[in-house]
Amino acid sequence: MDNKKSVRKRIIAIVLFVAALCFSLIEIHVVSLTNGGYGVLDMTKYNADVFIKMMNASKDMGIYWKYYILDFIFTAAFLNYMIQMVSGFKGPVINRIKILSYVIAVIRGILDMMENSIMLNQIYSFPNVNYGLINMCNIITRLKFHFMRGWFVCLLLMIVRGRVSKTSGNTVDGIISVK
């Protein structure tokens, strides 16, 4: 029963993540159509000058509000997905990696929300631009991706640790635990 509930949570997390990803990809395309192909800044390196060029090229400022509000929802769905994907791993060594992956996932989510908040603030105050804030937001964007990579490394370590334990005959510290 408990295992079925756990699998169900992971399936729901995947479905929510895929749905949020699809909506996000559609919004990225719509945003790029309105700003001369610049797209969204939270997926690339940028600075205040790039932000100003993008905003000046934009035909519809309201589309950014919609994108960044939806990105908050995507961030929550992605955080849930990240947590659910590692929650099934078991074992003493894996539990330490799992805790680290939870911390990394939460920090990544917080960074993404900070980034969205700064972007919304700067879009709202445009054409007045705080260069320092935009440049700090760029650093947050890059940190967000470093934390994403860190979470992925944790996931791979748990998979490898689980596979090694499983092949050595010890499933207590692997992906599947003996009850």
C-alpha atoms as a PDB file:
ATOM      1  CA  MET A   1       0.000   0.000   0.000  1.00  0.00           C
ATOM      2  CA  ASP A   2       2.742   2.451   1.012  1.00  0.00           C
ATOM      3  CA  ASN A   3       4.747   1.582  -2.107  1.00  0.00           C
ATOM      4  CA  LYS A   4       1.702   2.190  -4.341  1.00  0.00           C
ATOM      5  CA  LYS A   5       1.185   5.595  -2.727  1.00  0.00           C
ATOM      6  CA  SER A   6       4.839   6.468  -3.306  1.00  0.00           C
ATOM      7  CA  VAL A   7       4.673   5.440  -6.963  1.00  0.00           C
ATOM      8  CA  ARG A   8       1.451   7.408  -7.377  1.00  0.00           C
ATOM      9  CA  LYS A   9       3.125  10.532  -5.928  1.00  0.00           C
ATOM     10  CA  ARG A  10       6.003  10.175  -8.397  1.00  0.00           C
ATOM     11  CA  ILE A  11       3.637   9.729 -11.333  1.00  0.00           C
ATOM     12  CA  ILE A  12       1.650  12.807 -10.285  1.00  0.00           C
ATOM     13  CA  ALA A  13       4.907  14.760  -9.894  1.00  0.00           C
ATOM     14  CA  ILE A  14       5.999  13.747 -13.395  1.00  0.00           C
ATOM     15  CA  VAL A  15       2.624  14.632 -14.927  1.00  0.00           C
ATOM     16  CA  LEU A  16       2.558  18.037 -13.185  1.00  0.00           C
ATOM     17  CA  PHE A  17       6.147  18.719 -14.214  1.00  0.00           C
ATOM     18  CA  VAL A  18       5.524  17.773 -17.865  1.00  0.00           C
ATOM     19  CA  ALA A  19       2.348  19.895 -17.974  1.00  0.00           C
ATOM     20  CA  ALA A  20       4.162  22.885 -16.446  1.00  0.00           C
ATOM     21  CA  LEU A  21       7.070  22.349 -18.840  1.00  0.00           C
ATOM     22  CA  CYS A  22       4.742  22.325 -21.854  1.00  0.00           C
ATOM     23  CA  PHE A  23       3.038  25.551 -20.746  1.00  0.00           C
ATOM     24  CA  SER A  24       6.434  27.095 -20.051  1.00  0.00           C
ATOM     25  CA  LEU A  25       7.793  26.177 -23.489  1.00  0.00           C
ATOM     26  CA  ILE A  26       4.715  27.650 -25.149  1.00  0.00           C
ATOM     27  CA  GLU A  27       5.124  30.880 -23.160  1.00  0.00           C
ATOM     28  CA  ILE A  28       8.842  31.084 -24.026  1.00  0.00           C
ATOM     29  CA  HIS A  29       7.893  30.876 -27.700  1.00  0.00           C
ATOM     30  CA  VAL A  30       5.191  33.536 -27.309  1.00  0.00           C
ATOM     31  CA  VAL A  31       7.608  35.844 -25.463  1.00  0.00           C
ATOM     32  CA  SER A  32      10.250  35.438 -28.186  1.00  0.00           C
ATOM     33  CA  LEU A  33       7.656  36.390 -30.807  1.00  0.00           C
ATOM     34  CA  THR A  34       6.959  39.666 -29.013  1.00  0.00           C
ATOM     35  CA  ASN A  35      10.553  40.738 -28.338  1.00  0.00           C
ATOM     36  CA  GLY A  36      12.368  40.229 -31.612  1.00  0.00           C
ATOM     37  CA  GLY A  37      13.579  36.715 -30.798  1.00  0.00           C
ATOM     38  CA  TYR A  38      15.380  37.504 -27.533  1.00  0.00           C
ATOM     39  CA  GLY A  39      13.259  34.968 -25.701  1.00  0.00           C
ATOM     40  CA  VAL A  40      13.495  34.924 -21.910  1.00  0.00           C
ATOM     41  CA  LEU A  41      16.529  35.855 -19.894  1.00  0.00           C
ATOM     42  CA  ASP A  42      16.156  33.266 -17.164  1.00  0.00           C
ATOM     43  CA  MET A  43      17.577  30.620 -19.499  1.00  0.00           C
ATOM     44  CA  THR A  44      20.807  32.318 -20.599  1.00  0.00           C
ATOM     45  CA  LYS A  45      23.638  34.694 -19.673  1.00  0.00           C
ATOM     46  CA  TYR A  46      22.687  38.356 -19.837  1.00  0.00           C
ATOM     47  CA  ASN A  47      23.389  41.778 -18.406  1.00  0.00           C
ATOM     48  CA  ALA A  48      21.485  45.033 -17.995  1.00  0.00           C
ATOM     49  CA  ASP A  49      22.268  46.150 -21.559  1.00  0.00           C
ATOM     50  CA  VAL A  50      20.758  42.943 -22.978  1.00  0.00           C
ATOM     51  CA  PHE A  51      17.740  43.405 -20.692  1.00  0.00           C
ATOM     52  CA  ILE A  52      17.217  46.963 -21.999  1.00  0.00           C
ATOM     53  CA  LYS A  53      17.551  45.851 -25.646  1.00  0.00           C
ATOM     54  CA  MET A  54      15.067  43.057 -25.052  1.00  0.00           C
ATOM     55  CA  MET A  55      12.568  45.317 -23.305  1.00  0.00           C
ATOM     56  CA  ASN A  56      12.878  47.984 -26.004  1.00  0.00           C
ATOM     57  CA  ALA A  57      12.226  45.348 -28.679  1.00  0.00           C
ATOM     58  CA  SER A  58       9.149  44.070 -26.842  1.00  0.00           C
ATOM     59  CA  LYS A  59       5.729  44.740 -28.291  1.00  0.00           C
ATOM     60  CA  ASP A  60       3.751  43.454 -25.307  1.00  0.00           C
ATOM     61  CA  MET A  61       5.024  43.961 -21.753  1.00  0.00           C
ATOM     62  CA  GLY A  62       2.081  42.033 -20.311  1.00  0.00           C
ATOM     63  CA  ILE A  63       3.389  38.792 -21.786  1.00  0.00           C
ATOM     64  CA  TYR A  64       6.327  38.923 -19.349  1.00  0.00           C
ATOM     65  CA  TRP A  65       3.969  39.086 -16.380  1.00  0.00           C
ATOM     66  CA  LYS A  66       2.181  35.998 -17.628  1.00  0.00           C
ATOM     67  CA  TYR A  67       5.461  34.178 -18.301  1.00  0.00           C
ATOM     68  CA  TYR A  68       7.043  34.911 -14.924  1.00  0.00           C
ATOM     69  CA  ILE A  69       3.868  34.139 -12.966  1.00  0.00           C
ATOM     70  CA  LEU A  70       3.640  30.801 -14.816  1.00  0.00           C
ATOM     71  CA  ASP A  71       7.340  30.307 -14.099  1.00  0.00           C
ATOM     72  CA  PHE A  72       6.572  30.421 -10.368  1.00  0.00           C
ATOM     73  CA  ILE A  73       4.154  27.533 -10.947  1.00  0.00           C
ATOM     74  CA  PHE A  74       6.761  25.721 -13.059  1.00  0.00           C
ATOM     75  CA  THR A  75       9.343  26.214 -10.297  1.00  0.00           C
ATOM     76  CA  ALA A  76       7.005  24.645  -7.728  1.00  0.00           C
ATOM     77  CA  ALA A  77       6.187  21.721 -10.045  1.00  0.00           C
ATOM     78  CA  PHE A  78       9.863  21.217 -10.839  1.00  0.00           C
ATOM     79  CA  LEU A  79      10.830  21.318  -7.160  1.00  0.00           C
ATOM     80  CA  ASN A  80       8.158  18.699  -6.422  1.00  0.00           C
ATOM     81  CA  TYR A  81       9.467  16.592  -9.322  1.00  0.00           C
ATOM     82  CA  MET A  82      13.073  16.850  -8.067  1.00  0.00           C
ATOM     83  CA  ILE A  83      12.066  15.795  -4.546  1.00  0.00           C
ATOM     84  CA  GLN A  84       9.839  12.939  -5.706  1.00  0.00           C
ATOM     85  CA  MET A  85      12.488  11.540  -8.056  1.00  0.00           C
ATOM     86  CA  VAL A  86      15.004  11.018  -5.262  1.00  0.00           C
ATOM     87  CA  SER A  87      12.579  10.096  -2.477  1.00  0.00           C
ATOM     88  CA  GLY A  88      12.433   6.401  -3.416  1.00  0.00           C
ATOM     89  CA  PHE A  89      16.134   5.741  -2.912  1.00  0.00           C
ATOM     90  CA  LYS A  90      17.035   4.036   0.359  1.00  0.00           C
ATOM     91  CA  GLY A  91      20.082   3.104   2.404  1.00  0.00           C
ATOM     92  CA  PRO A  92      22.475   4.771   4.861  1.00  0.00           C
ATOM     93  CA  VAL A  93      24.856   6.224   2.273  1.00  0.00           C
ATOM     94  CA  ILE A  94      22.063   7.083  -0.107  1.00  0.00           C
ATOM     95  CA  ASN A  95      20.094   8.822   2.663  1.00  0.00           C
ATOM     96  CA  ARG A  96      22.952  11.307   3.119  1.00  0.00           C
ATOM     97  CA  ILE A  97      23.041  11.992  -0.613  1.00  0.00           C
ATOM     98  CA  LYS A  98      19.236  12.245  -0.634  1.00  0.00           C
ATOM     99  CA  ILE A  99      19.267  14.897   2.111  1.00  0.00           C
ATOM    100  CA  LEU A 100      21.893  16.838   0.143  1.00  0.00           C
ATOM    101  CA  SER A 101      19.768  16.568  -2.999  1.00  0.00           C
ATOM    102  CA  TYR A 102      16.728  17.894  -1.105  1.00  0.00           C
ATOM    103  CA  VAL A 103      18.722  20.888   0.133  1.00  0.00           C
ATOM    104  CA  ILE A 104      20.102  21.544  -3.353  1.00  0.00           C
ATOM    105  CA  ALA A 105      16.621  21.293  -4.902  1.00  0.00           C
ATOM    106  CA  VAL A 106      15.133  23.745  -2.396  1.00  0.00           C
ATOM    107  CA  ILE A 107      17.985  26.234  -2.870  1.00  0.00           C
ATOM    108  CA  ARG A 108      17.556  25.952  -6.634  1.00  0.00           C
ATOM    109  CA  GLY A 109      13.829  26.663  -6.252  1.00  0.00           C
ATOM    110  CA  ILE A 110      14.490  29.678  -4.020  1.00  0.00           C
ATOM    111  CA  LEU A 111      17.011  31.051  -6.524  1.00  0.00           C
ATOM    112  CA  ASP A 112      14.490  30.628  -9.342  1.00  0.00           C
ATOM    113  CA  MET A 113      11.830  32.485  -7.344  1.00  0.00           C
ATOM    114  CA  MET A 114      14.302  35.275  -6.508  1.00  0.00           C
ATOM    115  CA  GLU A 115      15.162  35.543 -10.191  1.00  0.00           C
ATOM    116  CA  ASN A 116      11.476  35.743 -11.177  1.00  0.00           C
ATOM    117  CA  SER A 117      10.799  38.372  -8.516  1.00  0.00           C
ATOM    118  CA  ILE A 118      13.695  40.563  -9.659  1.00  0.00           C
ATOM    119  CA  MET A 119      12.641  40.251 -13.296  1.00  0.00           C
ATOM    120  CA  LEU A 120       9.039  41.165 -12.476  1.00  0.00           C
ATOM    121  CA  ASN A 121      10.275  44.140 -10.450  1.00  0.00           C
ATOM    122  CA  GLN A 122      12.485  45.371 -13.280  1.00  0.00           C
ATOM    123  CA  ILE A 123       9.829  44.843 -15.940  1.00  0.00           C
ATOM    124  CA  TYR A 124       7.368  46.790 -13.801  1.00  0.00           C
ATOM    125  CA  SER A 125       9.800  49.687 -13.327  1.00  0.00           C
ATOM    126  CA  PHE A 126      10.971  49.737 -16.964  1.00  0.00           C
ATOM    127  CA  PRO A 127      12.258  52.035 -18.537  1.00  0.00           C
ATOM    128  CA  ASN A 128      13.938  52.750 -15.176  1.00  0.00           C
ATOM    129  CA  VAL A 129      16.490  49.956 -14.852  1.00  0.00           C
ATOM    130  CA  ASN A 130      18.621  49.061 -11.856  1.00  0.00           C
ATOM    131  CA  TYR A 131      21.799  47.810 -13.560  1.00  0.00           C
ATOM    132  CA  GLY A 132      23.151  46.264 -10.369  1.00  0.00           C
ATOM    133  CA  LEU A 133      19.930  44.353  -9.728  1.00  0.00           C
ATOM    134  CA  ILE A 134      19.799  42.993 -13.284  1.00  0.00           C
ATOM    135  CA  ASN A 135      23.447  41.948 -13.120  1.00  0.00           C
ATOM    136  CA  MET A 136      22.828  40.300  -9.735  1.00  0.00           C
ATOM    137  CA  CYS A 137      19.867  38.506 -11.289  1.00  0.00           C
ATOM    138  CA  ASN A 138      22.204  37.152 -13.978  1.00  0.00           C
ATOM    139  CA  ILE A 139      24.416  35.709 -11.228  1.00  0.00           C
ATOM    140  CA  ILE A 140      21.332  34.149  -9.610  1.00  0.00           C
ATOM    141  CA  THR A 141      20.394  32.636 -12.983  1.00  0.00           C
ATOM    142  CA  ARG A 142      23.811  31.032 -13.331  1.00  0.00           C
ATOM    143  CA  LEU A 143      23.774  29.788  -9.720  1.00  0.00           C
ATOM    144  CA  LYS A 144      20.352  28.245 -10.336  1.00  0.00           C
ATOM    145  CA  PHE A 145      21.816  26.133 -13.133  1.00  0.00           C
ATOM    146  CA  HIS A 146      24.840  25.126 -11.021  1.00  0.00           C
ATOM    147  CA  PHE A 147      22.469  23.899  -8.310  1.00  0.00           C
ATOM    148  CA  MET A 148      20.493  22.020 -10.972  1.00  0.00           C
ATOM    149  CA  ARG A 149      23.694  20.285 -12.041  1.00  0.00           C
ATOM    150  CA  GLY A 150      24.477  19.495  -8.397  1.00  0.00           C
ATOM    151  CA  TRP A 151      21.076  17.875  -7.946  1.00  0.00           C
ATOM    152  CA  PHE A 152      21.603  15.844 -11.110  1.00  0.00           C
ATOM    153  CA  VAL A 153      24.996  14.645  -9.801  1.00  0.00           C
ATOM    154  CA  CYS A 154      23.288  13.560  -6.553  1.00  0.00           C
ATOM    155  CA  LEU A 155      20.676  11.669  -8.564  1.00  0.00           C
ATOM    156  CA  LEU A 156      23.375   9.928 -10.603  1.00  0.00           C
ATOM    157  CA  LEU A 157      25.305   9.033  -7.433  1.00  0.00           C
ATOM    158  CA  MET A 158      22.183   7.457  -5.949  1.00  0.00           C
ATOM    159  CA  ILE A 159      21.522   5.523  -9.152  1.00  0.00           C
ATOM    160  CA  VAL A 160      25.127   4.298  -9.324  1.00  0.00           C
ATOM    161  CA  ARG A 161      25.195   3.450  -5.610  1.00  0.00           C
ATOM    162  CA  GLY A 162      21.921   1.597  -5.996  1.00  0.00           C
ATOM    163  CA  ARG A 163      23.151  -0.338  -9.031  1.00  0.00           C
ATOM    164  CA  VAL A 164      26.436  -1.257  -7.367  1.00  0.00           C
ATOM    165  CA  SER A 165      24.644  -2.428  -4.233  1.00  0.00           C
ATOM    166  CA  LYS A 166      22.069  -4.343  -6.237  1.00  0.00           C
ATOM    167  CA  THR A 167      24.682  -6.201  -8.302  1.00  0.00           C
ATOM    168  CA  SER A 168      26.727  -7.073  -5.210  1.00  0.00           C
ATOM    169  CA  GLY A 169      23.678  -8.758  -3.698  1.00  0.00           C
ATOM    170  CA  ASN A 170      23.122  -6.125  -0.993  1.00  0.00           C
ATOM    171  CA  THR A 171      19.808  -4.437  -1.777  1.00  0.00           C
ATOM    172  CA  VAL A 172      19.478  -2.706   1.601  1.00  0.00           C
ATOM    173  CA  ASP A 173      21.614   0.213   0.394  1.00  0.00           C
ATOM    174  CA  GLY A 174      20.278   0.192  -3.147  1.00  0.00           C
ATOM    175  CA  ILE A 175      17.288   1.406  -5.054  1.00  0.00           C
ATOM    176  CA  ILE A 176      15.120  -1.411  -3.740  1.00  0.00           C
ATOM    177  CA  SER A 177      15.085  -1.986   0.000  1.00  0.00           C
ATOM    178  CA  VAL A 178      14.212  -5.256   1.654  1.00  0.00           C
ATOM    179  CA  LYS A 179      11.343  -5.016   4.161  1.00  0.00           C
END
